[in-house]
Amino acid sequence: MVMKKLERKSSYFTYIHNTKYNQVLLTSRKDNLYKQTKNQSLKNRDSKPKNRKSK
């Protein structure tokens, strides 16, 4: 009886932990995507004047 309770509790905790971890993963992925796009746009913006100067 006690063991069953413990098992249930532990599974619940792992579930919570996993959901939290997944949320963190998702947010970090979004952040990375945002950073990548931001960097890309910055690179593009930086590269345009350079190209003009070279011409």
Protein backbone atom coordinates (compact mmCIF):
# COMPACT_ATOMS: atom_id res chain seq x y z
CA MET A 1 0.00 0.00 0.00
CA VAL A 2 2.68 2.45 1.00
CA MET A 3 4.79 1.50 -1.99
CA LYS A 4 1.92 2.12 -4.36
CA LYS A 5 1.39 5.58 -2.90
CA LEU A 6 5.06 6.37 -3.29
CA GLU A 7 5.08 5.15 -6.86
CA ARG A 8 2.10 7.26 -7.74
CA LYS A 9 3.69 10.28 -6.10
CA SER A 10 6.99 9.79 -7.87
CA SER A 11 5.30 9.39 -11.24
CA TYR A 12 3.39 12.60 -10.59
CA PHE A 13 6.60 14.40 -9.75
CA THR A 14 8.34 13.12 -12.83
CA TYR A 15 5.35 14.25 -14.87
CA ILE A 16 5.54 17.74 -13.40
CA HIS A 17 9.29 17.82 -13.88
CA ASN A 18 8.96 16.71 -17.49
CA THR A 19 6.34 19.32 -18.30
CA LYS A 20 8.47 22.03 -16.73
CA TYR A 21 11.49 20.79 -18.63
CA ASN A 22 9.52 20.74 -21.86
CA GLN A 23 8.36 24.29 -21.24
CA VAL A 24 11.93 25.38 -20.69
CA LEU A 25 12.97 23.61 -23.86
CA LEU A 26 10.22 25.29 -25.82
CA THR A 27 11.03 28.75 -24.49
CA SER A 28 14.74 28.30 -25.10
CA ARG A 29 14.01 27.10 -28.63
CA LYS A 30 11.86 30.16 -29.24
CA ASP A 31 14.61 32.37 -27.87
CA ASN A 32 17.15 30.74 -30.13
CA LEU A 33 14.90 31.15 -33.13
CA TYR A 34 14.35 34.79 -32.26
CA LYS A 35 18.07 35.37 -31.80
CA GLN A 36 18.83 33.65 -35.09
CA THR A 37 16.33 35.74 -37.02
CA LYS A 38 17.52 38.89 -35.25
CA ASN A 39 21.12 38.08 -36.06
CA GLN A 40 20.18 37.31 -39.63
CA SER A 41 18.39 40.62 -40.03
CA LEU A 42 21.31 42.42 -38.41
CA LYS A 43 23.73 40.69 -40.76
CA ASN A 44 21.60 41.61 -43.74
CA ARG A 45 21.36 45.20 -42.59
CA ASP A 46 25.11 45.33 -42.05
CA SER A 47 25.94 43.69 -45.34
CA LYS A 48 23.89 46.06 -47.50
CA PRO A 49 25.94 49.22 -46.90
CA LYS A 50 29.16 47.25 -47.30
CA ASN A 51 27.99 46.05 -50.69
CA ARG A 52 27.13 49.58 -51.71
CA LYS A 53 30.55 50.83 -50.65
CA SER A 54 32.33 48.11 -52.57
CA LYS A 55 30.51 49.12 -55.75
